């Protein structure tokens, strides 16, 4: 596993947890949270497979 892939594996869960925390604080709407989580997973998957 390359360094870029390790970074993706590390950063993606942090982004997801941050989005969920912002949702619980009332900063993000449910739609925005779902969008943030799904897009970060999709981007990480594409970048992980192309690295």
PDB file of N, CA and C in Angstrom:
ATOM      1  N   UNK A   1       0.849  -1.170   0.000  1.00  0.00           N
ATOM      2  CA  UNK A   1       0.000   0.000   0.000  1.00  0.00           C
ATOM      3  C   UNK A   1       0.898   1.238   0.000  1.00  0.00           C
ATOM      4  N   UNK A   2       0.619   2.152  -0.907  1.00  0.00           N
ATOM      5  CA  UNK A   2       1.455   3.349  -1.023  1.00  0.00           C
ATOM      6  C   UNK A   2       1.096   4.368   0.069  1.00  0.00           C
ATOM      7  N   UNK A   3       1.924   5.390   0.154  1.00  0.00           N
ATOM      8  CA  UNK A   3       1.670   6.440   1.146  1.00  0.00           C
ATOM      9  C   UNK A   3       0.375   7.182   0.840  1.00  0.00           C
ATOM     10  N   UNK A   4       0.078   7.374  -0.434  1.00  0.00           N
ATOM     11  CA  UNK A   4      -1.161   8.057  -0.808  1.00  0.00           C
ATOM     12  C   UNK A   4      -2.380   7.245  -0.385  1.00  0.00           C
ATOM     13  N   UNK A   5      -2.318   5.945  -0.554  1.00  0.00           N
ATOM     14  CA  UNK A   5      -3.427   5.082  -0.145  1.00  0.00           C
ATOM     15  C   UNK A   5      -3.579   5.071   1.373  1.00  0.00           C
ATOM     16  N   UNK A   6      -2.470   5.082   2.084  1.00  0.00           N
ATOM     17  CA  UNK A   6      -2.538   5.157   3.546  1.00  0.00           C
ATOM     18  C   UNK A   6      -3.183   6.465   3.991  1.00  0.00           C
ATOM     19  N   UNK A   7      -2.856   7.544   3.302  1.00  0.00           N
ATOM     20  CA  UNK A   7      -3.471   8.828   3.614  1.00  0.00           C
ATOM     21  C   UNK A   7      -4.971   8.813   3.377  1.00  0.00           C
ATOM     22  N   UNK A   8      -5.397   8.173   2.300  1.00  0.00           N
ATOM     23  CA  UNK A   8      -6.831   8.060   2.021  1.00  0.00           C
ATOM     24  C   UNK A   8      -7.542   7.227   3.076  1.00  0.00           C
ATOM     25  N   UNK A   9      -6.917   6.138   3.483  1.00  0.00           N
ATOM     26  CA  UNK A   9      -7.505   5.276   4.506  1.00  0.00           C
ATOM     27  C   UNK A   9      -7.603   6.010   5.839  1.00  0.00           C
ATOM     28  N   UNK A  10      -6.688   6.918   6.087  1.00  0.00           N
ATOM     29  CA  UNK A  10      -6.694   7.680   7.328  1.00  0.00           C
ATOM     30  C   UNK A  10      -7.650   8.874   7.259  1.00  0.00           C
ATOM     31  N   UNK A  11      -7.635   9.592   6.159  1.00  0.00           N
ATOM     32  CA  UNK A  11      -8.401  10.842   6.061  1.00  0.00           C
ATOM     33  C   UNK A  11      -9.897  10.623   5.880  1.00  0.00           C
ATOM     34  N   UNK A  12     -10.282   9.602   5.149  1.00  0.00           N
ATOM     35  CA  UNK A  12     -11.701   9.400   4.863  1.00  0.00           C
ATOM     36  C   UNK A  12     -12.533   9.167   6.130  1.00  0.00           C
ATOM     37  N   UNK A  13     -12.125   8.297   7.042  1.00  0.00           N
ATOM     38  CA  UNK A  13     -12.919   8.156   8.278  1.00  0.00           C
ATOM     39  C   UNK A  13     -12.967   9.430   9.110  1.00  0.00           C
ATOM     40  N   UNK A  14     -11.896  10.218   9.082  1.00  0.00           N
ATOM     41  CA  UNK A  14     -11.884  11.475   9.826  1.00  0.00           C
ATOM     42  C   UNK A  14     -12.908  12.437   9.242  1.00  0.00           C
ATOM     43  N   UNK A  15     -12.978  12.514   7.920  1.00  0.00           N
ATOM     44  CA  UNK A  15     -13.959  13.368   7.258  1.00  0.00           C
ATOM     45  C   UNK A  15     -15.372  12.916   7.606  1.00  0.00           C
ATOM     46  N   UNK A  16     -15.591  11.610   7.595  1.00  0.00           N
ATOM     47  CA  UNK A  16     -16.921  11.076   7.911  1.00  0.00           C
ATOM     48  C   UNK A  16     -17.295  11.393   9.356  1.00  0.00           C
ATOM     49  N   UNK A  17     -16.390  11.161  10.270  1.00  0.00           N
ATOM     50  CA  UNK A  17     -16.668  11.466  11.679  1.00  0.00           C
ATOM     51  C   UNK A  17     -16.915  12.956  11.901  1.00  0.00           C
ATOM     52  N   UNK A  18     -16.173  13.795  11.213  1.00  0.00           N
ATOM     53  CA  UNK A  18     -16.345  15.237  11.330  1.00  0.00           C
ATOM     54  C   UNK A  18     -17.718  15.655  10.815  1.00  0.00           C
ATOM     55  N   UNK A  19     -18.139  15.092   9.684  1.00  0.00           N
ATOM     56  CA  UNK A  19     -19.456  15.412   9.132  1.00  0.00           C
ATOM     57  C   UNK A  19     -20.566  14.968  10.081  1.00  0.00           C
ATOM     58  N   UNK A  20     -20.418  13.793  10.671  1.00  0.00           N
ATOM     59  CA  UNK A  20     -21.424  13.311  11.616  1.00  0.00           C
ATOM     60  C   UNK A  20     -21.460  14.191  12.866  1.00  0.00           C
ATOM     61  N   UNK A  21     -20.294  14.600  13.344  1.00  0.00           N
ATOM     62  CA  UNK A  21     -20.240  15.480  14.510  1.00  0.00           C
ATOM     63  C   UNK A  21     -20.903  16.822  14.210  1.00  0.00           C
ATOM     64  N   UNK A  22     -20.667  17.361  13.019  1.00  0.00           N
ATOM     65  CA  UNK A  22     -21.306  18.619  12.650  1.00  0.00           C
ATOM     66  C   UNK A  22     -22.818  18.463  12.538  1.00  0.00           C
ATOM     67  N   UNK A  23     -23.267  17.298  12.085  1.00  0.00           N
ATOM     68  CA  UNK A  23     -24.710  17.028  12.007  1.00  0.00           C
ATOM     69  C   UNK A  23     -25.318  16.995  13.395  1.00  0.00           C
ATOM     70  N   UNK A  24     -24.636  16.352  14.336  1.00  0.00           N
ATOM     71  CA  UNK A  24     -25.149  16.259  15.708  1.00  0.00           C
ATOM     72  C   UNK A  24     -25.180  17.614  16.393  1.00  0.00           C
ATOM     73  N   UNK A  25     -24.259  18.511  16.008  1.00  0.00           N
ATOM     74  CA  UNK A  25     -24.256  19.863  16.572  1.00  0.00           C
ATOM     75  C   UNK A  25     -25.281  20.764  15.901  1.00  0.00           C
ATOM     76  N   UNK A  26     -25.877  20.297  14.809  1.00  0.00           N
ATOM     77  CA  UNK A  26     -26.886  21.088  14.127  1.00  0.00           C
ATOM     78  C   UNK A  26     -26.340  22.018  13.070  1.00  0.00           C
ATOM     79  N   UNK A  27     -25.078  21.878  12.742  1.00  0.00           N
ATOM     80  CA  UNK A  27     -24.459  22.756  11.747  1.00  0.00           C
ATOM     81  C   UNK A  27     -24.815  22.313  10.333  1.00  0.00           C
ATOM     82  N   UNK A  28     -24.844  21.013  10.098  1.00  0.00           N
ATOM     83  CA  UNK A  28     -25.156  20.475   8.775  1.00  0.00           C
ATOM     84  C   UNK A  28     -26.547  19.864   8.766  1.00  0.00           C
ATOM     85  N   UNK A  29     -27.207  19.962   7.631  1.00  0.00           N
ATOM     86  CA  UNK A  29     -28.480  19.273   7.468  1.00  0.00           C
ATOM     87  C   UNK A  29     -28.211  17.798   7.173  1.00  0.00           C
ATOM     88  N   UNK A  30     -29.255  17.016   7.213  1.00  0.00           N
ATOM     89  CA  UNK A  30     -29.107  15.588   6.928  1.00  0.00           C
ATOM     90  C   UNK A  30     -28.649  15.361   5.498  1.00  0.00           C
ATOM     91  N   UNK A  31     -29.208  16.127   4.568  1.00  0.00           N
ATOM     92  CA  UNK A  31     -28.829  15.991   3.157  1.00  0.00           C
ATOM     93  C   UNK A  31     -27.351  16.342   2.970  1.00  0.00           C
ATOM     94  N   UNK A  32     -26.896  17.390   3.604  1.00  0.00           N
ATOM     95  CA  UNK A  32     -25.496  17.788   3.491  1.00  0.00           C
ATOM     96  C   UNK A  32     -24.570  16.738   4.097  1.00  0.00           C
ATOM     97  N   UNK A  33     -24.981  16.148   5.203  1.00  0.00           N
ATOM     98  CA  UNK A  33     -24.174  15.108   5.840  1.00  0.00           C
ATOM     99  C   UNK A  33     -24.078  13.878   4.956  1.00  0.00           C
ATOM    100  N   UNK A  34     -25.206  13.451   4.408  1.00  0.00           N
ATOM    101  CA  UNK A  34     -25.205  12.287   3.529  1.00  0.00           C
ATOM    102  C   UNK A  34     -24.366  12.572   2.290  1.00  0.00           C
ATOM    103  N   UNK A  35     -24.476  13.775   1.744  1.00  0.00           N
ATOM    104  CA  UNK A  35     -23.677  14.149   0.578  1.00  0.00           C
ATOM    105  C   UNK A  35     -22.189  14.125   0.896  1.00  0.00           C
ATOM    106  N   UNK A  36     -21.816  14.703   2.022  1.00  0.00           N
ATOM    107  CA  UNK A  36     -20.406  14.753   2.406  1.00  0.00           C
ATOM    108  C   UNK A  36     -19.837  13.354   2.601  1.00  0.00           C
ATOM    109  N   UNK A  37     -20.583  12.498   3.270  1.00  0.00           N
ATOM    110  CA  UNK A  37     -20.106  11.141   3.532  1.00  0.00           C
ATOM    111  C   UNK A  37     -20.003  10.351   2.236  1.00  0.00           C
ATOM    112  N   UNK A  38     -21.073  10.395   1.412  1.00  0.00           N
ATOM    113  CA  UNK A  38     -21.044   9.588   0.190  1.00  0.00           C
ATOM    114  C   UNK A  38     -20.010  10.086  -0.801  1.00  0.00           C
ATOM    115  N   UNK A  39     -19.863  11.394  -0.932  1.00  0.00           N
ATOM    116  CA  UNK A  39     -18.863  11.909  -1.862  1.00  0.00           C
ATOM    117  C   UNK A  39     -17.444  11.619  -1.381  1.00  0.00           C
ATOM    118  N   UNK A  40     -17.197  11.712  -0.087  1.00  0.00           N
ATOM    119  CA  UNK A  40     -15.849  11.416   0.396  1.00  0.00           C
ATOM    120  C   UNK A  40     -15.507   9.942   0.209  1.00  0.00           C
ATOM    121  N   UNK A  41     -16.482   9.061   0.407  1.00  0.00           N
ATOM    122  CA  UNK A  41     -16.243   7.639   0.175  1.00  0.00           C
ATOM    123  C   UNK A  41     -16.015   7.374  -1.313  1.00  0.00           C
ATOM    124  N   UNK A  42     -16.811   8.007  -2.172  1.00  0.00           N
ATOM    125  CA  UNK A  42     -16.656   7.801  -3.615  1.00  0.00           C
ATOM    126  C   UNK A  42     -15.298   8.316  -4.098  1.00  0.00           C
ATOM    127  N   UNK A  43     -14.914   9.491  -3.653  1.00  0.00           N
ATOM    128  CA  UNK A  43     -13.631  10.061  -4.062  1.00  0.00           C
ATOM    129  C   UNK A  43     -12.482   9.187  -3.554  1.00  0.00           C
ATOM    130  N   UNK A  44     -12.573   8.749  -2.312  1.00  0.00           N
ATOM    131  CA  UNK A  44     -11.520   7.893  -1.765  1.00  0.00           C
ATOM    132  C   UNK A  44     -11.423   6.579  -2.522  1.00  0.00           C
ATOM    133  N   UNK A  45     -12.563   6.015  -2.890  1.00  0.00           N
ATOM    134  CA  UNK A  45     -12.548   4.746  -3.626  1.00  0.00           C
ATOM    135  C   UNK A  45     -11.895   4.919  -4.990  1.00  0.00           C
ATOM    136  N   UNK A  46     -12.242   5.994  -5.689  1.00  0.00           N
ATOM    137  CA  UNK A  46     -11.651   6.232  -7.007  1.00  0.00           C
ATOM    138  C   UNK A  46     -10.151   6.475  -6.892  1.00  0.00           C
ATOM    139  N   UNK A  47      -9.759   7.330  -5.959  1.00  0.00           N
ATOM    140  CA  UNK A  47      -8.343   7.622  -5.796  1.00  0.00           C
ATOM    141  C   UNK A  47      -7.559   6.401  -5.300  1.00  0.00           C
ATOM    142  N   UNK A  48      -8.170   5.604  -4.441  1.00  0.00           N
ATOM    143  CA  UNK A  48      -7.489   4.421  -3.919  1.00  0.00           C
ATOM    144  C   UNK A  48      -7.210   3.419  -5.037  1.00  0.00           C
ATOM    145  N   UNK A  49      -8.171   3.237  -5.919  1.00  0.00           N
ATOM    146  CA  UNK A  49      -7.982   2.246  -6.987  1.00  0.00           C
ATOM    147  C   UNK A  49      -7.081   2.741  -8.100  1.00  0.00           C
ATOM    148  N   UNK A  50      -6.934   4.062  -8.252  1.00  0.00           N
ATOM    149  CA  UNK A  50      -6.089   4.582  -9.321  1.00  0.00           C
ATOM    150  C   UNK A  50      -4.666   4.861  -8.872  1.00  0.00           C
ATOM    151  N   UNK A  51      -4.384   4.746  -7.597  1.00  0.00           N
ATOM    152  CA  UNK A  51      -3.027   5.001  -7.095  1.00  0.00           C
ATOM    153  C   UNK A  51      -2.120   3.833  -7.383  1.00  0.00           C
TER     154      UNK A  51
END
